[in-house]
Each structure stands twice: as C-alpha cells, then as structure tokens.
Amino acid sequence: MQRLGDKWTPLVMLNLASGPLRFSALRQRIGAVTPKVLTSTLRTLERDGLVARTVTAQVPVRVDYELTDLGSSLLEPMDAIRIWSEAHAAKVLAAREIFDDK
C-alpha cells in the first residue's frame, strides 16, 4: 500500500503497462520527474518485484524497465482506484471546502 501512495509509482507503472521502456523514454513520458527521483522509484519497484530491469550489452549500454507479472497484476486495482477517484472527486473537494471553512 505504501508504494501506491507514492507520488511517482502509479505514473511509472501506468507508463510501463504498454511494454518495456528505456529510462529516458520513461522520464520523457512522465515529464516533471527528476532523474534522481525516477531512479529511486524504479529501484524500489524492482526491489519489491514489481518492475524488472534488463541490461543489454551494447554501446552505449541499454537498460530497459518493464512490469513483472506481479506488477501487471496491480494495474487493475490501480485502475479501480482511479475510477473511484474520478467518480468522487467533486464530493471530496466539497468536503474539503466545508472542512476548511470551519
């Protein structure tokens, strides 16, 4: 659960859902993430078994990242959370406004 609450993890995983990507391509798709933060996020996801890192010996060295089966199995629950969030966004914002007006 801690991983899903992270700001960058869902963006990384959703971008890897379509297939393997190199670091630079992944960073370009996400946009505002710094190399340091993206590297940290990818390492954490790799450590948790959600992302696989493949190094191909060529010049320059090619490194690809892709979701593992475990990582792919998390996409459906993530999508359910997104759908819920979109459906209830107005209610959440209204509740915040009421709370902040107290």
N, C-alpha and C. Protein backbone atom coordinates (compact mmCIF):
# COMPACT_ATOMS: atom_id res chain seq x y z
N MET A 1 0.82 -1.20 0.00
CA MET A 1 0.00 0.00 0.00
C MET A 1 0.85 1.26 0.00
N GLN A 2 1.97 1.20 0.72
CA GLN A 2 2.85 2.36 0.78
C GLN A 2 3.30 2.75 -0.62
N ARG A 3 3.55 1.77 -1.45
CA ARG A 3 4.03 2.04 -2.80
C ARG A 3 2.99 2.79 -3.61
N LEU A 4 1.72 2.43 -3.47
CA LEU A 4 0.66 3.08 -4.25
C LEU A 4 0.43 4.52 -3.83
N GLY A 5 0.74 4.83 -2.58
CA GLY A 5 0.57 6.19 -2.10
C GLY A 5 1.67 7.13 -2.53
N ASP A 6 2.72 6.58 -3.07
CA ASP A 6 3.85 7.35 -3.57
C ASP A 6 3.40 8.20 -4.76
N LYS A 7 3.94 9.37 -4.89
CA LYS A 7 3.55 10.28 -5.98
C LYS A 7 3.89 9.73 -7.36
N TRP A 8 5.04 9.07 -7.50
CA TRP A 8 5.54 8.69 -8.81
C TRP A 8 5.25 7.25 -9.21
N THR A 9 5.04 6.35 -8.26
CA THR A 9 4.84 4.94 -8.57
C THR A 9 3.69 4.69 -9.55
N PRO A 10 2.50 5.25 -9.30
CA PRO A 10 1.43 4.99 -10.27
C PRO A 10 1.76 5.48 -11.68
N LEU A 11 2.43 6.63 -11.78
CA LEU A 11 2.80 7.14 -13.11
C LEU A 11 3.80 6.23 -13.80
N VAL A 12 4.77 5.73 -13.05
CA VAL A 12 5.76 4.82 -13.63
C VAL A 12 5.07 3.55 -14.09
N MET A 13 4.25 2.98 -13.23
CA MET A 13 3.61 1.70 -13.57
C MET A 13 2.65 1.84 -14.74
N LEU A 14 1.88 2.91 -14.77
CA LEU A 14 0.95 3.10 -15.89
C LEU A 14 1.69 3.29 -17.21
N ASN A 15 2.84 3.95 -17.17
CA ASN A 15 3.62 4.14 -18.39
C ASN A 15 4.31 2.86 -18.84
N LEU A 16 4.62 1.98 -17.90
CA LEU A 16 5.24 0.70 -18.25
C LEU A 16 4.20 -0.35 -18.66
N ALA A 17 2.93 -0.05 -18.47
CA ALA A 17 1.86 -1.01 -18.79
C ALA A 17 1.85 -1.37 -20.27
N SER A 18 2.28 -0.47 -21.12
CA SER A 18 2.25 -0.72 -22.56
C SER A 18 3.47 -1.49 -23.05
N GLY A 19 4.44 -1.73 -22.16
CA GLY A 19 5.62 -2.50 -22.55
C GLY A 19 6.89 -1.87 -22.03
N PRO A 20 8.02 -2.54 -22.29
CA PRO A 20 9.32 -2.07 -21.77
C PRO A 20 9.68 -0.68 -22.30
N LEU A 21 10.35 0.08 -21.45
CA LEU A 21 10.83 1.41 -21.83
C LEU A 21 12.22 1.64 -21.28
N ARG A 22 12.99 2.40 -22.02
CA ARG A 22 14.28 2.85 -21.52
C ARG A 22 14.04 3.99 -20.54
N PHE A 23 15.04 4.23 -19.69
CA PHE A 23 14.94 5.26 -18.67
C PHE A 23 14.54 6.60 -19.27
N SER A 24 15.24 7.01 -20.31
CA SER A 24 14.99 8.33 -20.90
C SER A 24 13.58 8.43 -21.49
N ALA A 25 13.10 7.36 -22.11
CA ALA A 25 11.75 7.37 -22.68
C ALA A 25 10.71 7.44 -21.57
N LEU A 26 10.95 6.71 -20.49
CA LEU A 26 10.04 6.72 -19.35
C LEU A 26 9.99 8.12 -18.73
N ARG A 27 11.16 8.70 -18.54
CA ARG A 27 11.23 10.05 -17.96
C ARG A 27 10.52 11.08 -18.85
N GLN A 28 10.69 10.94 -20.15
CA GLN A 28 10.06 11.86 -21.09
C GLN A 28 8.53 11.74 -21.03
N ARG A 29 8.04 10.51 -20.92
CA ARG A 29 6.58 10.31 -20.85
C ARG A 29 5.99 10.88 -19.57
N ILE A 30 6.72 10.73 -18.46
CA ILE A 30 6.20 11.20 -17.17
C ILE A 30 6.29 12.71 -17.08
N GLY A 31 7.39 13.27 -17.55
CA GLY A 31 7.50 14.72 -17.57
C GLY A 31 8.32 15.30 -16.44
N ALA A 32 7.69 15.76 -15.39
CA ALA A 32 8.34 16.57 -14.37
C ALA A 32 9.23 15.83 -13.38
N VAL A 33 9.36 14.54 -13.49
CA VAL A 33 10.16 13.78 -12.53
C VAL A 33 11.66 14.00 -12.78
N THR A 34 12.42 14.17 -11.69
CA THR A 34 13.88 14.33 -11.82
C THR A 34 14.52 12.95 -12.01
N PRO A 35 15.70 12.90 -12.62
CA PRO A 35 16.38 11.61 -12.78
C PRO A 35 16.60 10.89 -11.45
N LYS A 36 16.97 11.65 -10.42
CA LYS A 36 17.22 11.05 -9.11
C LYS A 36 15.96 10.38 -8.54
N VAL A 37 14.83 11.06 -8.63
CA VAL A 37 13.57 10.52 -8.11
C VAL A 37 13.11 9.33 -8.94
N LEU A 38 13.25 9.41 -10.25
CA LEU A 38 12.85 8.29 -11.11
C LEU A 38 13.73 7.07 -10.83
N THR A 39 15.02 7.28 -10.69
CA THR A 39 15.93 6.18 -10.37
C THR A 39 15.54 5.53 -9.04
N SER A 40 15.27 6.34 -8.05
CA SER A 40 14.87 5.83 -6.74
C SER A 40 13.56 5.04 -6.82
N THR A 41 12.60 5.58 -7.54
CA THR A 41 11.31 4.90 -7.70
C THR A 41 11.48 3.57 -8.40
N LEU A 42 12.25 3.55 -9.48
CA LEU A 42 12.47 2.31 -10.22
C LEU A 42 13.19 1.27 -9.37
N ARG A 43 14.17 1.69 -8.60
CA ARG A 43 14.89 0.75 -7.73
C ARG A 43 13.97 0.15 -6.68
N THR A 44 13.12 0.98 -6.11
CA THR A 44 12.18 0.49 -5.11
C THR A 44 11.19 -0.50 -5.73
N LEU A 45 10.68 -0.18 -6.90
CA LEU A 45 9.76 -1.08 -7.59
C LEU A 45 10.44 -2.39 -7.98
N GLU A 46 11.70 -2.30 -8.38
CA GLU A 46 12.46 -3.50 -8.71
C GLU A 46 12.67 -4.35 -7.45
N ARG A 47 13.01 -3.71 -6.36
CA ARG A 47 13.22 -4.41 -5.09
C ARG A 47 11.95 -5.13 -4.64
N ASP A 48 10.79 -4.50 -4.87
CA ASP A 48 9.51 -5.08 -4.49
C ASP A 48 9.01 -6.14 -5.47
N GLY A 49 9.74 -6.33 -6.57
CA GLY A 49 9.36 -7.34 -7.54
C GLY A 49 8.29 -6.89 -8.52
N LEU A 50 8.05 -5.59 -8.60
CA LEU A 50 7.01 -5.06 -9.49
C LEU A 50 7.55 -4.67 -10.86
N VAL A 51 8.84 -4.37 -10.92
CA VAL A 51 9.50 -3.95 -12.16
C VAL A 51 10.77 -4.77 -12.35
N ALA A 52 11.02 -5.15 -13.61
CA ALA A 52 12.26 -5.85 -13.95
C ALA A 52 13.15 -4.91 -14.73
N ARG A 53 14.43 -4.98 -14.44
CA ARG A 53 15.44 -4.15 -15.12
C ARG A 53 16.29 -5.08 -15.97
N THR A 54 16.39 -4.80 -17.26
CA THR A 54 17.17 -5.63 -18.17
C THR A 54 18.28 -4.80 -18.79
N VAL A 55 19.53 -5.26 -18.62
CA VAL A 55 20.69 -4.57 -19.19
C VAL A 55 21.12 -5.34 -20.42
N THR A 56 21.26 -4.63 -21.54
CA THR A 56 21.71 -5.23 -22.79
C THR A 56 23.08 -4.66 -23.11
N ALA A 57 24.05 -5.56 -23.31
CA ALA A 57 25.42 -5.13 -23.59
C ALA A 57 25.52 -4.61 -25.02
N GLN A 58 25.60 -3.33 -25.14
CA GLN A 58 25.83 -2.66 -26.41
C GLN A 58 26.44 -1.32 -26.08
N VAL A 59 26.84 -0.58 -27.10
CA VAL A 59 27.43 0.72 -26.85
C VAL A 59 26.49 1.79 -27.38
N PRO A 60 25.96 2.67 -26.52
CA PRO A 60 26.06 2.63 -25.07
C PRO A 60 25.19 1.50 -24.50
N VAL A 61 25.41 1.18 -23.24
CA VAL A 61 24.66 0.12 -22.59
C VAL A 61 23.17 0.47 -22.62
N ARG A 62 22.36 -0.51 -22.93
CA ARG A 62 20.91 -0.29 -22.99
C ARG A 62 20.27 -0.90 -21.74
N VAL A 63 19.46 -0.11 -21.05
CA VAL A 63 18.75 -0.57 -19.87
C VAL A 63 17.25 -0.35 -20.10
N ASP A 64 16.50 -1.44 -20.01
CA ASP A 64 15.05 -1.37 -20.18
C ASP A 64 14.37 -1.74 -18.87
N TYR A 65 13.22 -1.13 -18.65
CA TYR A 65 12.40 -1.42 -17.49
C TYR A 65 11.06 -1.92 -17.97
N GLU A 66 10.53 -2.94 -17.29
CA GLU A 66 9.20 -3.45 -17.63
C GLU A 66 8.52 -4.00 -16.40
N LEU A 67 7.20 -4.05 -16.45
CA LEU A 67 6.46 -4.61 -15.33
C LEU A 67 6.64 -6.12 -15.30
N THR A 68 6.76 -6.65 -14.11
CA THR A 68 6.76 -8.10 -13.93
C THR A 68 5.29 -8.56 -13.91
N ASP A 69 5.08 -9.86 -13.81
CA ASP A 69 3.71 -10.36 -13.69
C ASP A 69 3.06 -9.80 -12.43
N LEU A 70 3.84 -9.72 -11.36
CA LEU A 70 3.33 -9.17 -10.11
C LEU A 70 2.94 -7.70 -10.29
N GLY A 71 3.79 -6.95 -10.97
CA GLY A 71 3.49 -5.54 -11.24
C GLY A 71 2.26 -5.38 -12.11
N SER A 72 2.15 -6.21 -13.13
CA SER A 72 0.99 -6.16 -14.03
C SER A 72 -0.30 -6.47 -13.27
N SER A 73 -0.21 -7.36 -12.28
CA SER A 73 -1.41 -7.73 -11.52
C SER A 73 -1.92 -6.56 -10.67
N LEU A 74 -1.11 -5.54 -10.49
CA LEU A 74 -1.50 -4.38 -9.69
C LEU A 74 -2.22 -3.32 -10.53
N LEU A 75 -2.16 -3.44 -11.85
CA LEU A 75 -2.76 -2.43 -12.73
C LEU A 75 -4.28 -2.35 -12.57
N GLU A 76 -4.93 -3.48 -12.45
CA GLU A 76 -6.40 -3.48 -12.33
C GLU A 76 -6.86 -2.79 -11.04
N PRO A 77 -6.28 -3.13 -9.87
CA PRO A 77 -6.66 -2.39 -8.66
C PRO A 77 -6.34 -0.90 -8.76
N MET A 78 -5.24 -0.55 -9.40
CA MET A 78 -4.90 0.87 -9.57
C MET A 78 -5.95 1.56 -10.43
N ASP A 79 -6.43 0.87 -11.45
CA ASP A 79 -7.46 1.45 -12.32
C ASP A 79 -8.77 1.63 -11.55
N ALA A 80 -9.08 0.69 -10.67
CA ALA A 80 -10.29 0.81 -9.85
C ALA A 80 -10.21 2.04 -8.95
N ILE A 81 -9.03 2.29 -8.39
CA ILE A 81 -8.84 3.48 -7.55
C ILE A 81 -8.99 4.75 -8.39
N ARG A 82 -8.44 4.74 -9.60
CA ARG A 82 -8.58 5.90 -10.49
C ARG A 82 -10.04 6.17 -10.81
N ILE A 83 -10.79 5.12 -11.14
CA ILE A 83 -12.21 5.27 -11.48
C ILE A 83 -12.98 5.82 -10.28
N TRP A 84 -12.71 5.28 -9.09
CA TRP A 84 -13.37 5.78 -7.88
C TRP A 84 -13.03 7.25 -7.67
N SER A 85 -11.76 7.59 -7.82
CA SER A 85 -11.31 8.97 -7.61
C SER A 85 -12.01 9.93 -8.55
N GLU A 86 -12.12 9.55 -9.81
CA GLU A 86 -12.79 10.41 -10.78
C GLU A 86 -14.28 10.56 -10.46
N ALA A 87 -14.90 9.47 -10.03
CA ALA A 87 -16.34 9.49 -9.74
C ALA A 87 -16.66 10.31 -8.49
N HIS A 88 -15.72 10.37 -7.55
CA HIS A 88 -15.99 11.03 -6.27
C HIS A 88 -15.19 12.32 -6.05
N ALA A 89 -14.50 12.79 -7.05
CA ALA A 89 -13.66 13.97 -6.90
C ALA A 89 -14.45 15.18 -6.42
N ALA A 90 -15.61 15.41 -6.98
CA ALA A 90 -16.41 16.58 -6.60
C ALA A 90 -16.83 16.49 -5.13
N LYS A 91 -17.19 15.31 -4.67
CA LYS A 91 -17.59 15.13 -3.27
C LYS A 91 -16.41 15.37 -2.33
N VAL A 92 -15.24 14.90 -2.72
CA VAL A 92 -14.04 15.10 -1.89
C VAL A 92 -13.71 16.59 -1.82
N LEU A 93 -13.75 17.26 -2.94
CA LEU A 93 -13.47 18.69 -2.96
C LEU A 93 -14.48 19.48 -2.12
N ALA A 94 -15.75 19.08 -2.20
CA ALA A 94 -16.79 19.75 -1.40
C ALA A 94 -16.55 19.53 0.09
N ALA A 95 -16.18 18.31 0.46
CA ALA A 95 -15.89 18.01 1.86
C ALA A 95 -14.70 18.82 2.36
N ARG A 96 -13.70 18.96 1.54
CA ARG A 96 -12.54 19.78 1.91
C ARG A 96 -12.95 21.23 2.15
N GLU A 97 -13.78 21.73 1.25
CA GLU A 97 -14.22 23.12 1.36
C GLU A 97 -15.00 23.35 2.66
N ILE A 98 -15.89 22.42 2.99
CA ILE A 98 -16.65 22.51 4.24
C ILE A 98 -15.71 22.47 5.44
N PHE A 99 -14.77 21.56 5.40
CA PHE A 99 -13.81 21.42 6.50
C PHE A 99 -12.98 22.69 6.66
N ASP A 100 -12.49 23.22 5.54
CA ASP A 100 -11.62 24.41 5.60
C ASP A 100 -12.37 25.66 6.03
N ASP A 101 -13.70 25.70 5.83
CA ASP A 101 -14.49 26.86 6.22
C ASP A 101 -14.81 26.89 7.71
N LYS A 102 -14.51 25.83 8.43
CA LYS A 102 -14.80 25.77 9.87
C LYS A 102 -13.93 26.71 10.66
